Amino acid sequence: MEYETNGGNQVNAREFFKITKIEITFLVDMVAIAAFLSDPNFSMHSFEIIPLLVSGTLASMSAAVFNNLYDMDIDRAMKRTSYRERIINNRTFGRISVYAGIMLAASVLVSYLFINLLTSAFIFLGFLSYVVLYTIVLKRRTTWNIVIGGIAGSFPALAGWSAVSNDISTTSLFIAFLVFLWTPTHFWSLATNNSDDYKEAGIPMLPAVVGARKAGWWILINSIILVVYSAIPLFVSSINVGFAYYLVAIAMGAIMLYYVIKPMTEQYSKPGFRRAFHISNYYLLTLLVSICLVGIIH
């Protein structure tokens, strides 16, 4: 698969996949898998995990591509994303749009035919909330963009559970809201490290508007809320995450808070916020893996 750029160069499939944000897709799939395996009845529906992963992956990649297509103008103004202009430009826009549309259609079709309508609806709502709500409506208008837009990461949890039981539960809602609360800590840490880029592009990401010092406090407040929320299963027996999850949540919560606080002791250094961003990835991934393992063992 190749696309021509304005300069006549060829862009191979590997470069195309850069705009699908595959690392985000991996986390999205992990959220869905964690919810799927936390359902006590998942073993009777084990086949559904394949179409769940296929449809979830296609929808996430499609959403990422449409996000990049819409943000062509600001991506070229930001150092972190300027490489995308080589991949998405006037000569490739049409074809890439078609491929992204095909991926979305395939995602909805696969989930509807091989799982159920509710799961298909959750996957499609995840796509819409990222592309329409976050990218088009919120991103360029308000500092609340990533807070409200973070709902996009919640739908995979609902899709994962509904793939087994064709409904929602306190467990799937818990995982969904866990991801929702995690998103500001994760993205504000990245945005603080890249605040100059957002200022240059005119995007009102919170750190670019209020500065690193205030952003650091908002990240800390959100992280404390997240860590406290992660302990809710201790008090709600209907949330099925298992005992090992509690130990992991306590340990990873302490580690993440340490890395969130550390930049504040280093004069709000950008490298410190970058480390907090990476740790936030490991935080969520570790919690999700622990939920998966408990589901498999039980």
Protein backbone atom coordinates (compact mmCIF):
# COMPACT_ATOMS: atom_id res chain seq x y z
CA MET A 1 0.00 0.00 0.00
CA GLU A 2 1.58 3.28 -1.13
CA TYR A 3 0.52 6.91 -1.39
CA GLU A 4 2.14 9.79 -3.25
CA THR A 5 2.98 12.96 -1.37
CA ASN A 6 3.20 16.49 -2.72
CA GLY A 7 6.84 15.90 -3.42
CA GLY A 8 6.17 12.75 -5.42
CA ASN A 9 7.70 10.48 -2.78
CA GLN A 10 6.15 7.16 -1.85
CA VAL A 11 4.68 6.50 1.59
CA ASN A 12 4.59 2.83 2.49
CA ALA A 13 2.18 0.91 4.70
CA ARG A 14 4.45 1.35 7.71
CA GLU A 15 4.19 5.12 7.43
CA PHE A 16 0.43 4.91 6.92
CA PHE A 17 0.07 3.01 10.17
CA LYS A 18 1.78 5.88 11.98
CA ILE A 19 -1.40 7.93 11.54
CA THR A 20 -3.55 5.13 12.96
CA LYS A 21 -2.02 5.77 16.42
CA ILE A 22 -1.48 2.07 16.98
CA GLU A 23 -0.30 2.58 20.57
CA ILE A 24 -3.69 4.11 21.45
CA THR A 25 -5.43 1.28 19.64
CA PHE A 26 -3.53 -1.22 21.79
CA LEU A 27 -4.79 0.45 24.99
CA VAL A 28 -8.33 0.64 23.58
CA ASP A 29 -8.22 -3.10 22.87
CA MET A 30 -6.90 -3.79 26.37
CA VAL A 31 -9.81 -1.88 27.89
CA ALA A 32 -12.26 -3.99 25.88
CA ILE A 33 -10.47 -7.24 26.75
CA ALA A 34 -10.41 -6.40 30.47
CA ALA A 35 -14.16 -5.80 30.49
CA PHE A 36 -14.75 -8.92 28.39
CA LEU A 37 -12.73 -11.19 30.71
CA SER A 38 -14.21 -9.67 33.86
CA ASP A 39 -17.62 -11.06 32.89
CA PRO A 40 -18.02 -14.38 34.74
CA ASN A 41 -19.67 -15.87 31.64
CA PHE A 42 -16.93 -15.00 29.18
CA SER A 43 -15.77 -18.63 28.76
CA MET A 44 -19.11 -19.51 27.15
CA HIS A 45 -18.59 -16.72 24.61
CA SER A 46 -14.83 -16.95 24.11
CA PHE A 47 -15.17 -16.85 20.30
CA GLU A 48 -16.58 -13.31 20.46
CA ILE A 49 -13.23 -11.92 21.59
CA ILE A 50 -11.90 -12.26 18.03
CA PRO A 51 -14.54 -10.11 16.28
CA LEU A 52 -14.42 -7.77 19.31
CA LEU A 53 -10.70 -7.17 18.75
CA VAL A 54 -11.07 -6.92 14.98
CA SER A 55 -13.93 -4.43 15.12
CA GLY A 56 -12.44 -2.45 18.01
CA THR A 57 -9.06 -2.19 16.31
CA LEU A 58 -10.56 -1.09 12.99
CA ALA A 59 -12.79 1.53 14.66
CA SER A 60 -9.94 2.95 16.74
CA MET A 61 -7.58 3.14 13.77
CA SER A 62 -10.28 4.70 11.63
CA ALA A 63 -11.02 7.32 14.30
CA ALA A 64 -7.32 8.17 14.54
CA VAL A 65 -7.05 8.62 10.77
CA PHE A 66 -10.16 10.84 10.60
CA ASN A 67 -8.71 12.84 13.51
CA ASN A 68 -5.52 13.37 11.50
CA LEU A 69 -7.45 14.23 8.35
CA TYR A 70 -9.44 16.92 10.15
CA ASP A 71 -6.35 18.27 11.93
CA MET A 72 -4.15 18.59 8.83
CA ASP A 73 -3.80 22.34 9.34
CA ILE A 74 -2.71 22.20 12.97
CA ASP A 75 -0.59 19.05 12.64
CA ARG A 76 1.80 20.79 10.27
CA ALA A 77 2.24 23.61 12.81
CA MET A 78 3.28 21.26 15.62
CA LYS A 79 6.75 19.71 15.82
CA ARG A 80 5.39 16.49 17.36
CA THR A 81 2.98 15.90 14.47
CA SER A 82 4.58 17.71 11.53
CA TYR A 83 5.67 14.40 9.96
CA ARG A 84 2.02 13.65 9.20
CA GLU A 85 2.04 16.22 6.38
CA ARG A 86 4.24 13.82 4.42
CA ILE A 87 1.55 11.15 4.75
CA ILE A 88 -1.67 13.20 4.66
CA ASN A 89 -1.78 15.99 2.09
CA ASN A 90 -3.85 17.20 -0.85
CA ARG A 91 -2.78 14.28 -3.05
CA THR A 92 -3.52 11.54 -0.53
CA PHE A 93 -6.49 13.02 1.35
CA GLY A 94 -9.20 11.39 -0.77
CA ARG A 95 -7.76 7.88 -0.80
CA ILE A 96 -6.90 7.89 2.88
CA SER A 97 -10.45 9.07 3.67
CA VAL A 98 -11.84 6.14 1.69
CA TYR A 99 -9.64 3.64 3.52
CA ALA A 100 -10.63 5.10 6.89
CA GLY A 101 -14.30 4.90 5.90
CA ILE A 102 -13.90 1.28 4.83
CA MET A 103 -12.26 0.43 8.17
CA LEU A 104 -15.15 2.00 10.07
CA ALA A 105 -17.79 0.24 7.96
CA ALA A 106 -16.01 -3.10 8.40
CA SER A 107 -15.81 -2.53 12.15
CA VAL A 108 -19.54 -1.91 12.52
CA LEU A 109 -20.42 -4.80 10.20
CA VAL A 110 -18.16 -7.33 11.94
CA SER A 111 -19.39 -6.41 15.43
CA TYR A 112 -23.03 -6.50 14.32
CA LEU A 113 -22.83 -9.81 12.44
CA PHE A 114 -20.57 -11.74 14.82
CA ILE A 115 -21.39 -10.22 18.23
CA ASN A 116 -24.55 -8.16 18.77
CA LEU A 117 -26.16 -4.81 18.04
CA LEU A 118 -25.38 -3.29 21.45
CA THR A 119 -21.66 -3.98 21.11
CA SER A 120 -21.71 -2.56 17.59
CA ALA A 121 -23.46 0.57 18.90
CA PHE A 122 -20.87 1.07 21.67
CA ILE A 123 -18.00 0.72 19.21
CA PHE A 124 -19.61 3.21 16.84
CA LEU A 125 -20.31 5.64 19.70
CA GLY A 126 -16.65 5.41 20.68
CA PHE A 127 -15.73 6.43 17.14
CA LEU A 128 -18.24 9.29 17.06
CA SER A 129 -17.21 10.67 20.46
CA TYR A 130 -13.55 10.83 19.42
CA VAL A 131 -13.99 12.18 15.90
CA VAL A 132 -17.06 14.41 16.28
CA LEU A 133 -17.27 15.34 19.97
CA TYR A 134 -13.55 15.67 20.73
CA THR A 135 -11.85 16.43 17.39
CA ILE A 136 -14.47 18.61 15.69
CA VAL A 137 -16.53 20.14 18.50
CA LEU A 138 -14.26 20.49 21.55
CA LYS A 139 -10.56 20.38 20.69
CA ARG A 140 -10.26 23.88 19.20
CA ARG A 141 -12.84 25.56 21.43
CA THR A 142 -12.29 24.80 25.11
CA THR A 143 -9.75 23.75 27.73
CA TRP A 144 -12.30 21.11 28.73
CA ASN A 145 -11.64 19.36 25.40
CA ILE A 146 -9.78 16.32 26.71
CA VAL A 147 -11.92 16.10 29.87
CA ILE A 148 -15.26 15.80 28.08
CA GLY A 149 -13.73 14.14 25.02
CA GLY A 150 -12.22 11.48 27.27
CA ILE A 151 -15.56 9.69 27.15
CA ALA A 152 -14.33 8.14 23.89
CA GLY A 153 -12.02 5.86 25.86
CA SER A 154 -14.91 4.62 28.00
CA PHE A 155 -16.95 2.94 25.28
CA PRO A 156 -14.53 0.01 24.71
CA ALA A 157 -15.24 -1.15 28.28
CA LEU A 158 -18.96 -1.14 27.60
CA ALA A 159 -18.38 -2.94 24.29
CA GLY A 160 -16.19 -5.60 25.93
CA TRP A 161 -18.78 -6.52 28.56
CA SER A 162 -21.75 -6.37 26.18
CA ALA A 163 -19.94 -8.74 23.79
CA VAL A 164 -20.51 -11.42 26.45
CA SER A 165 -23.76 -10.49 28.17
CA ASN A 166 -25.39 -8.10 25.71
CA ASP A 167 -25.93 -5.56 28.51
CA ILE A 168 -24.00 -3.25 30.84
CA SER A 169 -22.96 -3.80 34.46
CA THR A 170 -21.38 -2.09 37.44
CA THR A 171 -18.07 -3.70 36.43
CA SER A 172 -18.13 -2.36 32.87
CA LEU A 173 -19.22 1.07 34.11
CA PHE A 174 -16.40 1.04 36.68
CA ILE A 175 -13.77 0.26 34.03
CA ALA A 176 -15.30 2.81 31.65
CA PHE A 177 -15.16 5.60 34.23
CA LEU A 178 -11.66 4.54 35.30
CA VAL A 179 -10.44 5.22 31.76
CA PHE A 180 -12.43 8.47 31.66
CA LEU A 181 -10.70 9.75 34.82
CA TRP A 182 -7.30 8.53 33.65
CA THR A 183 -7.42 10.46 30.37
CA PRO A 184 -6.81 14.03 31.70
CA THR A 185 -3.80 12.94 33.76
CA HIS A 186 -2.41 11.12 30.76
CA PHE A 187 -3.00 13.78 28.14
CA TRP A 188 -2.33 16.90 30.23
CA SER A 189 1.08 15.45 31.11
CA LEU A 190 1.83 15.05 27.40
CA ALA A 191 0.38 18.46 26.58
CA THR A 192 2.50 20.17 29.25
CA ASN A 193 5.60 18.67 27.68
CA ASN A 194 4.41 19.95 24.29
CA SER A 195 2.70 23.17 25.37
CA ASP A 196 4.69 25.30 22.91
CA ASP A 197 3.30 23.21 20.05
CA TYR A 198 -0.29 23.78 21.17
CA LYS A 199 0.33 27.52 21.57
CA GLU A 200 1.77 27.67 18.06
CA ALA A 201 -1.23 25.81 16.64
CA GLY A 202 -3.72 27.85 18.65
CA ILE A 203 -5.22 24.84 20.45
CA PRO A 204 -6.58 25.68 23.94
CA MET A 205 -5.14 22.60 25.64
CA LEU A 206 -5.13 23.35 29.37
CA PRO A 207 -1.31 23.49 29.92
CA ALA A 208 -0.90 25.82 26.93
CA VAL A 209 -3.49 28.18 28.39
CA VAL A 210 -2.72 28.17 32.14
CA GLY A 211 0.99 27.31 32.10
CA ALA A 212 2.97 24.42 33.51
CA ARG A 213 2.60 25.40 37.19
CA LYS A 214 -1.21 25.46 37.22
CA ALA A 215 -1.38 22.48 34.87
CA GLY A 216 0.80 20.53 37.30
CA TRP A 217 -1.71 21.16 40.10
CA TRP A 218 -4.65 20.17 37.89
CA ILE A 219 -2.83 16.97 36.94
CA LEU A 220 -2.20 16.20 40.61
CA ILE A 221 -5.82 16.87 41.60
CA ASN A 222 -7.13 14.68 38.79
CA SER A 223 -4.63 11.94 39.66
CA ILE A 224 -5.71 11.91 43.31
CA ILE A 225 -9.34 11.61 42.24
CA LEU A 226 -8.36 8.78 39.88
CA VAL A 227 -6.40 6.86 42.53
CA VAL A 228 -9.20 7.24 45.09
CA TYR A 229 -11.77 6.15 42.50
CA SER A 230 -9.69 3.07 41.62
CA ALA A 231 -10.35 1.78 45.16
CA ILE A 232 -14.15 1.77 44.76
CA PRO A 233 -14.32 -2.02 44.13
CA LEU A 234 -13.30 -2.44 47.79
CA PHE A 235 -16.71 -1.09 48.74
CA VAL A 236 -18.90 -2.30 45.86
CA SER A 237 -19.03 -6.09 45.78
CA SER A 238 -20.80 -6.21 42.42
CA ILE A 239 -17.66 -4.85 40.69
CA ASN A 240 -15.84 -8.00 39.59
CA VAL A 241 -12.11 -7.21 39.46
CA GLY A 242 -10.61 -9.64 41.99
CA PHE A 243 -8.32 -9.28 45.02
CA ALA A 244 -5.08 -8.98 43.02
CA TYR A 245 -6.45 -5.83 41.44
CA TYR A 246 -6.52 -4.07 44.83
CA LEU A 247 -2.82 -4.70 45.42
CA VAL A 248 -1.92 -3.54 41.92
CA ALA A 249 -4.13 -0.45 42.18
CA ILE A 250 -2.49 0.60 45.48
CA ALA A 251 1.05 0.03 44.22
CA MET A 252 0.55 1.65 40.81
CA GLY A 253 -1.42 4.52 42.32
CA ALA A 254 1.50 5.35 44.62
CA ILE A 255 3.97 5.14 41.75
CA MET A 256 1.91 7.37 39.49
CA LEU A 257 1.36 10.00 42.19
CA TYR A 258 5.11 10.06 42.78
CA TYR A 259 5.80 10.78 39.11
CA VAL A 260 3.00 13.34 38.92
CA ILE A 261 4.38 15.23 41.94
CA LYS A 262 8.03 14.97 40.84
CA PRO A 263 7.89 17.68 38.10
CA MET A 264 6.51 20.09 40.71
CA THR A 265 9.71 19.58 42.73
CA GLU A 266 11.84 20.13 39.63
CA GLN A 267 10.57 23.61 38.74
CA TYR A 268 7.85 22.08 36.56
CA SER A 269 10.35 20.64 34.12
CA LYS A 270 9.07 19.30 30.81
CA PRO A 271 11.09 16.05 31.07
CA GLY A 272 9.31 15.43 34.37
CA PHE A 273 5.90 15.76 32.75
CA ARG A 274 7.04 13.51 29.91
CA ARG A 275 7.97 10.82 32.44
CA ALA A 276 4.57 11.23 34.12
CA PHE A 277 2.92 10.74 30.72
CA HIS A 278 4.76 7.45 30.16
CA ILE A 279 4.06 6.24 33.69
CA SER A 280 0.35 6.94 33.21
CA ASN A 281 0.41 4.47 30.30
CA TYR A 282 1.95 1.79 32.49
CA TYR A 283 -0.51 2.61 35.27
CA LEU A 284 -3.60 1.94 33.17
CA LEU A 285 -2.08 -1.01 31.34
CA THR A 286 -1.05 -2.71 34.59
CA LEU A 287 -4.52 -2.30 36.12
CA LEU A 288 -6.14 -3.68 32.98
CA VAL A 289 -3.77 -6.66 32.85
CA SER A 290 -4.52 -7.46 36.50
CA ILE A 291 -8.26 -7.44 35.74
CA CYS A 292 -7.66 -9.73 32.75
CA LEU A 293 -5.59 -12.21 34.79
CA VAL A 294 -8.16 -12.36 37.57
CA GLY A 295 -10.89 -13.02 34.99
CA ILE A 296 -8.90 -15.83 33.37
CA ILE A 297 -7.94 -17.49 36.67
CA HIS A 298 -11.47 -17.42 37.98
